[in-house]
């Protein structure tokens, strides 16, 4: 059993957005380890959170690390969830014919990623 004594900094858990795996993990931790303080922060994703993770400003972050070139070797990662991705396409796009689109079919299509936004 984990014992917490003295003044302890909360475990800082990076969550990309509300309702994703980090929030579910935080809920489980609060139930199973009620003596551990958990603080949820939002760094806007794995790329933004890596520096804070390496600097010790956050303790956990979530993101897709498969094939991630910039992931430092001194960081450990573990699969905690395998969730489907959503793809938004025009109705007449050639890939729109698929009910379940194999990810390899995306390799020839451009990818639009929203990065560094502010506000909601």
N, C-alpha and C. Protein backbone atom coordinates (compact mmCIF):
# COMPACT_ATOMS: atom_id res chain seq x y z
N UNK A 1 0.84 -1.19 0.00
CA UNK A 1 0.00 0.00 0.00
C UNK A 1 0.87 1.24 0.00
N UNK A 2 0.53 2.22 -0.80
CA UNK A 2 1.26 3.47 -0.90
C UNK A 2 1.01 4.32 0.34
N UNK A 3 2.10 4.84 0.92
CA UNK A 3 1.96 5.74 2.06
C UNK A 3 2.49 7.10 1.65
N UNK A 4 1.72 8.14 1.95
CA UNK A 4 2.10 9.51 1.63
C UNK A 4 2.25 10.25 2.94
N UNK A 5 3.42 10.85 3.16
CA UNK A 5 3.65 11.61 4.38
C UNK A 5 4.26 12.95 4.03
N UNK A 6 4.04 13.95 4.89
CA UNK A 6 4.61 15.28 4.68
C UNK A 6 3.95 16.03 3.55
N UNK A 7 4.56 17.15 3.20
CA UNK A 7 4.05 17.98 2.10
C UNK A 7 4.47 17.34 0.78
N UNK A 8 3.52 16.99 -0.02
CA UNK A 8 3.79 16.32 -1.28
C UNK A 8 3.15 17.12 -2.41
N UNK A 9 3.93 17.32 -3.47
CA UNK A 9 3.40 17.99 -4.66
C UNK A 9 2.39 17.05 -5.32
N UNK A 10 1.28 17.58 -5.81
CA UNK A 10 0.31 16.71 -6.49
C UNK A 10 0.94 16.05 -7.73
N UNK A 11 0.43 14.90 -8.07
CA UNK A 11 0.79 14.27 -9.34
C UNK A 11 0.13 15.09 -10.43
N UNK A 12 0.91 15.60 -11.36
CA UNK A 12 0.37 16.43 -12.43
C UNK A 12 0.17 15.58 -13.68
N UNK A 13 -1.08 15.47 -14.07
CA UNK A 13 -1.48 14.62 -15.18
C UNK A 13 -1.92 15.52 -16.33
N UNK A 14 -1.25 15.40 -17.46
CA UNK A 14 -1.56 16.21 -18.63
C UNK A 14 -2.71 15.58 -19.40
N UNK A 15 -3.72 16.35 -19.67
CA UNK A 15 -4.90 15.89 -20.40
C UNK A 15 -5.05 16.74 -21.64
N UNK A 16 -5.14 16.10 -22.80
CA UNK A 16 -5.26 16.84 -24.05
C UNK A 16 -6.56 17.64 -24.07
N UNK A 17 -7.64 16.99 -23.72
CA UNK A 17 -8.93 17.66 -23.65
C UNK A 17 -9.81 16.87 -22.69
N UNK A 18 -10.81 17.50 -22.18
CA UNK A 18 -11.69 16.83 -21.22
C UNK A 18 -12.35 15.61 -21.83
N UNK A 19 -12.48 14.56 -21.03
CA UNK A 19 -13.21 13.38 -21.47
C UNK A 19 -12.35 12.31 -22.12
N UNK A 20 -11.06 12.54 -22.25
CA UNK A 20 -10.21 11.52 -22.84
C UNK A 20 -9.60 10.64 -21.76
N UNK A 21 -8.68 9.78 -22.14
CA UNK A 21 -8.16 8.74 -21.25
C UNK A 21 -7.55 9.29 -19.96
N UNK A 22 -6.90 10.44 -20.01
CA UNK A 22 -6.30 11.01 -18.80
C UNK A 22 -7.32 11.28 -17.72
N UNK A 23 -8.48 11.79 -18.10
CA UNK A 23 -9.53 12.06 -17.13
C UNK A 23 -10.05 10.77 -16.52
N UNK A 24 -10.18 9.73 -17.33
CA UNK A 24 -10.63 8.44 -16.81
C UNK A 24 -9.59 7.85 -15.87
N UNK A 25 -8.31 7.99 -16.23
CA UNK A 25 -7.24 7.51 -15.37
C UNK A 25 -7.23 8.28 -14.05
N UNK A 26 -7.38 9.58 -14.11
CA UNK A 26 -7.41 10.39 -12.89
C UNK A 26 -8.55 9.95 -11.97
N UNK A 27 -9.69 9.65 -12.54
CA UNK A 27 -10.83 9.19 -11.75
C UNK A 27 -10.49 7.87 -11.06
N UNK A 28 -9.88 6.95 -11.78
CA UNK A 28 -9.48 5.66 -11.20
C UNK A 28 -8.44 5.85 -10.10
N UNK A 29 -7.48 6.73 -10.33
CA UNK A 29 -6.47 6.99 -9.31
C UNK A 29 -7.08 7.58 -8.05
N UNK A 30 -8.03 8.49 -8.23
CA UNK A 30 -8.68 9.11 -7.06
C UNK A 30 -9.46 8.09 -6.24
N UNK A 31 -10.06 7.12 -6.91
CA UNK A 31 -10.81 6.08 -6.20
C UNK A 31 -9.85 5.12 -5.50
N UNK A 32 -8.82 4.67 -6.21
CA UNK A 32 -7.93 3.64 -5.69
C UNK A 32 -6.78 4.17 -4.81
N UNK A 33 -6.43 5.44 -4.98
CA UNK A 33 -5.36 6.05 -4.18
C UNK A 33 -5.84 7.42 -3.68
N UNK A 34 -6.83 7.43 -2.81
CA UNK A 34 -7.42 8.71 -2.39
C UNK A 34 -6.44 9.63 -1.66
N UNK A 35 -5.34 9.07 -1.13
CA UNK A 35 -4.36 9.90 -0.42
C UNK A 35 -3.42 10.65 -1.36
N UNK A 36 -3.45 10.33 -2.65
CA UNK A 36 -2.59 10.98 -3.63
C UNK A 36 -3.36 12.14 -4.27
N UNK A 37 -2.80 13.33 -4.19
CA UNK A 37 -3.41 14.49 -4.83
C UNK A 37 -3.10 14.46 -6.31
N UNK A 38 -4.10 14.73 -7.13
CA UNK A 38 -3.95 14.72 -8.58
C UNK A 38 -4.38 16.08 -9.11
N UNK A 39 -3.51 16.65 -9.92
CA UNK A 39 -3.81 17.92 -10.57
C UNK A 39 -3.82 17.69 -12.07
N UNK A 40 -4.90 18.04 -12.73
CA UNK A 40 -4.99 17.87 -14.18
C UNK A 40 -4.62 19.20 -14.83
N UNK A 41 -3.67 19.14 -15.75
CA UNK A 41 -3.26 20.31 -16.53
C UNK A 41 -3.48 20.01 -18.00
N UNK A 42 -3.54 21.05 -18.81
CA UNK A 42 -3.71 20.86 -20.25
C UNK A 42 -2.59 21.57 -20.99
N UNK A 43 -1.71 20.77 -21.63
CA UNK A 43 -0.61 21.34 -22.39
C UNK A 43 -0.91 21.35 -23.88
N UNK A 44 -2.06 20.91 -24.28
CA UNK A 44 -2.49 20.86 -25.67
C UNK A 44 -1.79 19.77 -26.47
N UNK A 45 -1.51 18.64 -25.85
CA UNK A 45 -1.03 17.49 -26.59
C UNK A 45 0.39 17.07 -26.28
N UNK A 46 0.74 15.93 -26.81
CA UNK A 46 2.03 15.31 -26.53
C UNK A 46 3.21 16.19 -26.92
N UNK A 47 3.16 16.79 -28.09
CA UNK A 47 4.28 17.62 -28.54
C UNK A 47 4.53 18.76 -27.58
N UNK A 48 3.49 19.45 -27.17
CA UNK A 48 3.64 20.57 -26.24
C UNK A 48 4.03 20.09 -24.85
N UNK A 49 3.56 18.90 -24.47
CA UNK A 49 3.81 18.40 -23.13
C UNK A 49 5.18 17.78 -22.92
N UNK A 50 5.88 17.42 -24.00
CA UNK A 50 7.16 16.73 -23.84
C UNK A 50 8.18 17.54 -23.04
N UNK A 51 8.30 18.82 -23.33
CA UNK A 51 9.27 19.66 -22.61
C UNK A 51 8.91 19.72 -21.13
N UNK A 52 7.63 19.92 -20.83
CA UNK A 52 7.20 19.99 -19.44
C UNK A 52 7.39 18.66 -18.73
N UNK A 53 7.23 17.57 -19.45
CA UNK A 53 7.45 16.25 -18.89
C UNK A 53 8.94 16.07 -18.56
N UNK A 54 9.80 16.44 -19.48
CA UNK A 54 11.24 16.31 -19.24
C UNK A 54 11.72 17.24 -18.13
N UNK A 55 11.11 18.41 -18.01
CA UNK A 55 11.49 19.37 -16.98
C UNK A 55 10.91 19.02 -15.61
N UNK A 56 10.01 18.03 -15.56
CA UNK A 56 9.41 17.63 -14.30
C UNK A 56 8.22 18.47 -13.89
N UNK A 57 7.73 19.32 -14.80
CA UNK A 57 6.57 20.16 -14.49
C UNK A 57 5.27 19.35 -14.52
N UNK A 58 5.25 18.27 -15.31
CA UNK A 58 4.13 17.33 -15.30
C UNK A 58 4.70 15.93 -15.13
N UNK A 59 3.86 15.00 -14.69
CA UNK A 59 4.31 13.65 -14.40
C UNK A 59 3.85 12.63 -15.43
N UNK A 60 2.70 12.84 -16.02
CA UNK A 60 2.14 11.93 -17.02
C UNK A 60 1.54 12.75 -18.14
N UNK A 61 1.67 12.25 -19.35
CA UNK A 61 0.98 12.85 -20.49
C UNK A 61 0.51 11.74 -21.40
N UNK A 62 -0.40 12.06 -22.29
CA UNK A 62 -0.98 11.06 -23.16
C UNK A 62 -0.88 11.52 -24.60
N UNK A 63 -0.70 10.56 -25.49
CA UNK A 63 -0.65 10.86 -26.91
C UNK A 63 -0.29 9.62 -27.68
N UNK A 64 -0.31 9.72 -28.96
CA UNK A 64 0.06 8.60 -29.82
C UNK A 64 1.56 8.66 -30.06
N UNK A 65 2.28 7.67 -29.56
CA UNK A 65 3.74 7.67 -29.66
C UNK A 65 4.27 6.75 -30.75
N UNK A 66 3.42 5.93 -31.35
CA UNK A 66 3.88 5.00 -32.40
C UNK A 66 4.45 5.81 -33.56
N UNK A 67 5.73 5.60 -33.84
CA UNK A 67 6.38 6.30 -34.93
C UNK A 67 6.71 7.75 -34.64
N UNK A 68 6.57 8.16 -33.40
CA UNK A 68 6.81 9.55 -33.02
C UNK A 68 8.32 9.78 -32.97
N UNK A 69 8.85 10.51 -33.92
CA UNK A 69 10.29 10.69 -34.07
C UNK A 69 10.92 11.49 -32.92
N UNK A 70 10.20 12.44 -32.36
CA UNK A 70 10.78 13.35 -31.37
C UNK A 70 10.70 12.84 -29.94
N UNK A 71 10.19 11.63 -29.71
CA UNK A 71 10.06 11.13 -28.34
C UNK A 71 11.45 10.82 -27.78
N UNK A 72 11.88 11.53 -26.74
CA UNK A 72 13.21 11.29 -26.16
C UNK A 72 13.35 9.87 -25.63
N UNK A 73 14.53 9.34 -25.76
CA UNK A 73 14.79 7.96 -25.34
C UNK A 73 14.69 7.76 -23.83
N UNK A 74 14.85 8.82 -23.06
CA UNK A 74 14.81 8.68 -21.60
C UNK A 74 13.39 8.66 -21.05
N UNK A 75 12.40 8.76 -21.91
CA UNK A 75 11.00 8.69 -21.47
C UNK A 75 10.45 7.31 -21.73
N UNK A 76 9.66 6.82 -20.81
CA UNK A 76 9.01 5.52 -20.97
C UNK A 76 7.58 5.73 -21.42
N UNK A 77 7.08 4.80 -22.22
CA UNK A 77 5.68 4.89 -22.62
C UNK A 77 5.05 3.51 -22.55
N UNK A 78 3.74 3.51 -22.37
CA UNK A 78 2.99 2.27 -22.25
C UNK A 78 1.61 2.47 -22.87
N UNK A 79 1.15 1.47 -23.60
CA UNK A 79 -0.17 1.53 -24.19
C UNK A 79 -1.22 1.40 -23.08
N UNK A 80 -2.11 2.39 -22.99
CA UNK A 80 -3.17 2.33 -21.99
C UNK A 80 -4.55 2.27 -22.65
N UNK A 81 -4.62 2.59 -23.92
CA UNK A 81 -5.89 2.56 -24.61
C UNK A 81 -5.64 2.50 -26.11
N UNK A 82 -6.48 1.80 -26.79
CA UNK A 82 -6.42 1.74 -28.24
C UNK A 82 -7.76 2.21 -28.75
N UNK A 83 -7.85 3.49 -29.03
CA UNK A 83 -9.13 4.09 -29.41
C UNK A 83 -9.15 4.39 -30.90
N UNK A 84 -10.31 4.29 -31.52
CA UNK A 84 -10.41 4.62 -32.95
C UNK A 84 -10.18 6.11 -33.18
N UNK A 85 -9.71 6.43 -34.36
CA UNK A 85 -9.55 7.81 -34.79
C UNK A 85 -10.74 8.21 -35.64
N UNK A 86 -11.09 9.47 -35.59
CA UNK A 86 -12.12 9.98 -36.47
C UNK A 86 -11.49 10.69 -37.65
N UNK A 87 -12.06 10.56 -38.80
CA UNK A 87 -11.59 11.21 -40.02
C UNK A 87 -12.77 11.98 -40.60
N UNK A 88 -12.55 13.26 -40.88
CA UNK A 88 -13.60 14.10 -41.46
C UNK A 88 -13.28 14.28 -42.94
N UNK A 89 -14.23 13.88 -43.78
CA UNK A 89 -14.04 13.93 -45.24
C UNK A 89 -15.28 14.54 -45.90
N UNK A 90 -15.05 15.14 -47.05
CA UNK A 90 -16.19 15.58 -47.86
C UNK A 90 -16.92 14.34 -48.36
N UNK A 91 -18.21 14.45 -48.58
CA UNK A 91 -19.01 13.30 -49.01
C UNK A 91 -18.52 12.71 -50.33
N UNK A 92 -17.94 13.54 -51.18
CA UNK A 92 -17.48 13.05 -52.49
C UNK A 92 -15.98 12.69 -52.49
N UNK A 93 -15.34 12.69 -51.35
CA UNK A 93 -13.93 12.32 -51.27
C UNK A 93 -13.78 10.83 -51.55
N UNK A 94 -12.73 10.42 -52.28
CA UNK A 94 -12.56 8.99 -52.61
C UNK A 94 -12.51 8.07 -51.38
N UNK A 95 -12.04 8.56 -50.25
CA UNK A 95 -11.96 7.73 -49.05
C UNK A 95 -13.28 7.62 -48.30
N UNK A 96 -14.25 8.43 -48.69
CA UNK A 96 -15.55 8.43 -48.00
C UNK A 96 -16.35 7.16 -48.27
N UNK A 97 -15.90 6.34 -49.21
CA UNK A 97 -16.60 5.08 -49.51
C UNK A 97 -16.46 4.05 -48.40
N UNK A 98 -15.46 4.22 -47.53
CA UNK A 98 -15.18 3.24 -46.47
C UNK A 98 -16.04 3.50 -45.24
N UNK A 99 -16.65 2.45 -44.70
CA UNK A 99 -17.33 2.57 -43.40
C UNK A 99 -16.28 2.57 -42.28
N UNK A 100 -15.27 1.73 -42.43
CA UNK A 100 -14.13 1.69 -41.52
C UNK A 100 -12.88 1.82 -42.37
N UNK A 101 -12.25 2.97 -42.31
CA UNK A 101 -11.13 3.31 -43.18
C UNK A 101 -9.82 2.74 -42.65
N UNK A 102 -9.17 1.86 -43.39
CA UNK A 102 -7.86 1.37 -42.96
C UNK A 102 -6.85 2.53 -42.92
N UNK A 103 -6.07 2.62 -41.87
CA UNK A 103 -5.19 3.76 -41.67
C UNK A 103 -4.16 3.89 -42.80
N UNK A 104 -3.76 2.79 -43.43
CA UNK A 104 -2.79 2.88 -44.51
C UNK A 104 -3.34 3.62 -45.73
N UNK A 105 -4.65 3.71 -45.85
CA UNK A 105 -5.26 4.44 -46.96
C UNK A 105 -5.06 5.95 -46.81
N UNK A 106 -4.73 6.41 -45.61
CA UNK A 106 -4.53 7.84 -45.36
C UNK A 106 -3.16 8.33 -45.81
N UNK A 107 -2.24 7.43 -46.10
CA UNK A 107 -0.86 7.82 -46.39
C UNK A 107 -0.73 8.70 -47.63
N UNK A 108 -1.63 8.62 -48.56
CA UNK A 108 -1.54 9.44 -49.77
C UNK A 108 -2.37 10.72 -49.68
N UNK A 109 -2.99 10.96 -48.54
CA UNK A 109 -3.82 12.15 -48.38
C UNK A 109 -3.15 13.15 -47.45
N UNK A 110 -3.31 14.45 -47.72
CA UNK A 110 -2.75 15.45 -46.80
C UNK A 110 -3.47 15.41 -45.46
N UNK A 111 -2.75 15.80 -44.42
CA UNK A 111 -3.29 15.79 -43.06
C UNK A 111 -3.33 17.21 -42.53
N UNK A 112 -4.47 17.63 -42.06
CA UNK A 112 -4.64 18.95 -41.47
C UNK A 112 -4.70 18.77 -39.96
N UNK A 113 -3.77 19.40 -39.25
CA UNK A 113 -3.72 19.29 -37.80
C UNK A 113 -3.86 20.67 -37.20
N UNK A 114 -4.79 20.83 -36.30
CA UNK A 114 -4.96 22.09 -35.60
C UNK A 114 -3.91 22.17 -34.52
N UNK A 115 -3.09 23.23 -34.52
CA UNK A 115 -1.95 23.31 -33.60
C UNK A 115 -1.91 24.68 -32.94
N UNK A 116 -1.65 24.69 -31.65
CA UNK A 116 -1.42 25.93 -30.93
C UNK A 116 -2.59 26.87 -30.87
N UNK A 117 -3.79 26.35 -30.68
CA UNK A 117 -4.97 27.21 -30.62
C UNK A 117 -5.14 27.78 -29.23
N UNK A 118 -5.85 28.86 -29.15
CA UNK A 118 -6.21 29.43 -27.86
C UNK A 118 -7.72 29.60 -27.81
N UNK A 119 -8.26 29.62 -26.61
CA UNK A 119 -9.69 29.79 -26.47
C UNK A 119 -10.43 28.50 -26.73
N UNK A 120 -11.75 28.56 -26.67
CA UNK A 120 -12.60 27.40 -26.91
C UNK A 120 -13.72 27.77 -27.79
